[in-house]
C-alpha atoms as a PDB file:
ATOM      1  CA  MET A   1     -64.009  26.052  24.474  1.00  0.00           C
ATOM      2  CA  ILE A   2     -63.262  25.352  21.016  1.00  0.00           C
ATOM      3  CA  GLY A   3     -66.309  22.522  20.727  1.00  0.00           C
ATOM      4  CA  GLN A   4     -68.949  25.471  21.733  1.00  0.00           C
ATOM      5  CA  LEU A   5     -67.191  27.804  18.990  1.00  0.00           C
ATOM      6  CA  PHE A   6     -67.101  24.851  16.771  1.00  0.00           C
ATOM      7  CA  LEU A   7     -70.935  24.027  17.330  1.00  0.00           C
ATOM      8  CA  ALA A   8     -71.891  28.314  17.138  1.00  0.00           C
ATOM      9  CA  LEU A   9     -70.374  27.967  13.462  1.00  0.00           C
ATOM     10  CA  ALA A  10     -72.265  24.949  12.542  1.00  0.00           C
ATOM     11  CA  THR A  11     -75.504  26.024  13.106  1.00  0.00           C
ATOM     12  CA  LEU A  12     -74.557  29.589  11.304  1.00  0.00           C
ATOM     13  CA  ALA A  13     -73.903  27.445   8.069  1.00  0.00           C
ATOM     14  CA  LEU A  14     -77.033  25.429   8.733  1.00  0.00           C
ATOM     15  CA  LEU A  15     -78.769  28.728   8.819  1.00  0.00           C
ATOM     16  CA  HIS A  16     -77.268  30.152   5.530  1.00  0.00           C
ATOM     17  CA  ALA A  17     -77.215  26.934   3.456  1.00  0.00           C
ATOM     18  CA  ALA A  18     -81.235  26.878   4.475  1.00  0.00           C
ATOM     19  CA  TYR A  19     -81.733  30.496   3.545  1.00  0.00           C
ATOM     20  CA  SER A  20     -79.725  29.947   0.015  1.00  0.00           C
ATOM     21  CA  THR A  21     -81.568  27.100  -0.122  1.00  0.00           C
ATOM     22  CA  TYR A  22     -84.588  28.988   0.023  1.00  0.00           C
ATOM     23  CA  GLU A  23     -83.127  31.713  -2.805  1.00  0.00           C
ATOM     24  CA  HIS A  24     -82.286  29.462  -4.849  1.00  0.00           C
ATOM     25  CA  LEU A  25     -85.639  27.762  -5.087  1.00  0.00           C
ATOM     26  CA  SER A  26     -87.493  31.188  -4.916  1.00  0.00           C
ATOM     27  CA  LEU A  27     -85.410  31.996  -7.826  1.00  0.00           C
ATOM     28  CA  LEU A  28     -86.491  28.409  -9.835  1.00  0.00           C
ATOM     29  CA  LYS A  29     -89.962  29.648  -9.116  1.00  0.00           C
ATOM     30  CA  ALA A  30     -89.565  32.892 -10.722  1.00  0.00           C
ATOM     31  CA  LEU A  31     -88.299  32.026 -13.719  1.00  0.00           C
ATOM     32  CA  GLY A  32     -90.543  29.123 -14.352  1.00  0.00           C
ATOM     33  CA  LYS A  33     -88.379  25.970 -13.470  1.00  0.00           C
ATOM     34  CA  PRO A  34     -90.016  24.246 -10.593  1.00  0.00           C
ATOM     35  CA  GLU A  35     -87.639  21.094 -11.559  1.00  0.00           C
ATOM     36  CA  GLY A  36     -83.570  21.652 -10.790  1.00  0.00           C
ATOM     37  CA  SER A  37     -81.067  20.695  -8.173  1.00  0.00           C
ATOM     38  CA  LEU A  38     -79.349  22.152  -5.764  1.00  0.00           C
ATOM     39  CA  PRO A  39     -76.084  24.102  -6.337  1.00  0.00           C
ATOM     40  CA  LEU A  40     -72.881  22.402  -4.921  1.00  0.00           C
ATOM     41  CA  ASP A  41     -71.752  24.831  -2.937  1.00  0.00           C
ATOM     42  CA  ILE A  42     -75.161  24.668  -0.600  1.00  0.00           C
ATOM     43  CA  VAL A  43     -75.010  21.312  -0.507  1.00  0.00           C
ATOM     44  CA  TYR A  44     -71.267  21.373   0.648  1.00  0.00           C
ATOM     45  CA  GLU A  45     -72.198  23.922   2.926  1.00  0.00           C
ATOM     46  CA  SER A  46     -74.478  21.800   4.591  1.00  0.00           C
ATOM     47  CA  VAL A  47     -72.212  18.929   4.814  1.00  0.00           C
ATOM     48  CA  LEU A  48     -69.288  21.152   6.242  1.00  0.00           C
ATOM     49  CA  ALA A  49     -71.778  22.335   8.917  1.00  0.00           C
ATOM     50  CA  LEU A  50     -72.743  18.155   9.660  1.00  0.00           C
ATOM     51  CA  ILE A  51     -69.093  18.341   9.740  1.00  0.00           C
ATOM     52  CA  LEU A  52     -68.145  21.257  11.655  1.00  0.00           C
ATOM     53  CA  GLY A  53     -71.406  20.019  14.080  1.00  0.00           C
ATOM     54  CA  LEU A  54     -70.519  16.593  15.029  1.00  0.00           C
ATOM     55  CA  LEU A  55     -66.593  17.666  16.056  1.00  0.00           C
ATOM     56  CA  GLY A  56     -68.499  20.628  18.286  1.00  0.00           C
ATOM     57  CA  ALA A  57     -70.233  18.052  19.651  1.00  0.00           C
ATOM     58  CA  SER A  58     -67.764  15.289  20.608  1.00  0.00           C
ATOM     59  CA  LEU A  59     -65.251  18.312  21.824  1.00  0.00           C
ATOM     60  CA  SER A  60     -67.260  19.456  23.913  1.00  0.00           C
ATOM     61  CA  ALA A  61     -69.732  16.812  25.668  1.00  0.00           C
ATOM     62  CA  PRO A  62     -68.205  15.314  29.304  1.00  0.00           C
ATOM     63  CA  PRO A  63     -65.631  13.152  29.998  1.00  0.00           C
ATOM     64  CA  LEU A  64     -66.497   9.221  29.866  1.00  0.00           C
ATOM     65  CA  LYS A  65     -67.286   7.728  32.891  1.00  0.00           C
ATOM     66  CA  ASP A  66     -66.798   4.071  33.690  1.00  0.00           C
ATOM     67  CA  ILE A  67     -68.945   1.089  33.876  1.00  0.00           C
ATOM     68  CA  THR A  68     -66.893  -1.598  35.017  1.00  0.00           C
ATOM     69  CA  TRP A  69     -67.936  -3.403  38.280  1.00  0.00           C
ATOM     70  CA  ALA A  70     -65.187  -2.075  40.124  1.00  0.00           C
ATOM     71  CA  SER A  71     -65.732   1.934  39.235  1.00  0.00           C
ATOM     72  CA  GLU A  72     -69.428   1.158  40.598  1.00  0.00           C
ATOM     73  CA  MET A  73     -68.532  -0.902  43.643  1.00  0.00           C
ATOM     74  CA  LYS A  74     -66.631   2.516  44.536  1.00  0.00           C
ATOM     75  CA  LYS A  75     -69.407   4.729  45.047  1.00  0.00           C
ATOM     76  CA  ARG A  76     -71.433   1.963  47.287  1.00  0.00           C
ATOM     77  CA  THR A  77     -71.261  -0.707  49.657  1.00  0.00           C
ATOM     78  CA  ILE A  78     -72.047  -4.707  49.204  1.00  0.00           C
ATOM     79  CA  ASP A  79     -75.115  -3.774  52.343  1.00  0.00           C
ATOM     80  CA  GLY A  80     -76.481  -1.838  49.631  1.00  0.00           C
ATOM     81  CA  MET A  81     -76.042  -3.913  46.237  1.00  0.00           C
ATOM     82  CA  ASP A  82     -76.993  -7.415  47.844  1.00  0.00           C
ATOM     83  CA  SER A  83     -79.638  -6.351  50.366  1.00  0.00           C
ATOM     84  CA  ARG A  84     -82.462  -9.449  49.256  1.00  0.00           C
ATOM     85  CA  LEU A  85     -83.609 -11.624  51.382  1.00  0.00           C
ATOM     86  CA  GLY A  86     -81.989 -14.800  51.793  1.00  0.00           C
ATOM     87  CA  PHE A  87     -85.010 -16.887  52.098  1.00  0.00           C
ATOM     88  CA  ALA A  88     -87.360 -15.420  50.190  1.00  0.00           C
ATOM     89  CA  HIS A  89     -90.242 -18.197  49.027  1.00  0.00           C
ATOM     90  CA  TYR A  90     -92.961 -17.310  47.225  1.00  0.00           C
ATOM     91  CA  LYS A  91     -94.833 -20.692  47.225  1.00  0.00           C
ATOM     92  CA  SER A  92     -96.837 -20.902  50.292  1.00  0.00           C
ATOM     93  CA  ARG A  93     -96.771 -24.337  52.197  1.00  0.00           C
ATOM     94  CA  GLY A  94     -98.984 -23.476  55.271  1.00  0.00           C
ATOM     95  CA  LYS A  95    -101.981 -25.395  53.805  1.00  0.00           C
ATOM     96  CA  PHE A  96     -99.573 -28.513  54.676  1.00  0.00           C
ATOM     97  CA  LEU A  97     -98.153 -26.890  58.000  1.00  0.00           C
ATOM     98  CA  PHE A  98    -101.336 -25.985  59.475  1.00  0.00           C
ATOM     99  CA  ALA A  99    -103.600 -28.234  58.229  1.00  0.00           C
ATOM    100  CA  ASN A 100    -106.197 -30.660  60.359  1.00  0.00           C
ATOM    101  CA  PRO A 101    -104.350 -34.040  60.346  1.00  0.00           C
ATOM    102  CA  HIS A 102    -107.882 -35.519  61.084  1.00  0.00           C
ATOM    103  CA  ASP A 103    -109.591 -34.318  57.926  1.00  0.00           C
ATOM    104  CA  GLY A 104    -107.500 -36.732  55.741  1.00  0.00           C
ATOM    105  CA  LYS A 105    -107.222 -34.061  52.982  1.00  0.00           C
ATOM    106  CA  ILE A 106    -103.496 -34.461  53.431  1.00  0.00           C
END
């Protein structure tokens, strides 16, 4: 609950900082000063929104799951995990086993 609140506050603060930046740049343009830095209150508000967003995302995240072999095997069986063939060979020896011994090609 508090994580969701922090996320909402961070969103509002970031939107307000963006609007304040737009207004500040519009004022500089109207005064004929295209060069200028942002006021520190806008920078501080953006950093605060970032911190609130990180905190809100951390607090509203679901709990972490175990990634150990033992925790994975609680959900599966050994038959499902070790279902490979015992004698699978990819090199065929059929040409030697079924060749005609009178051809002399062996």
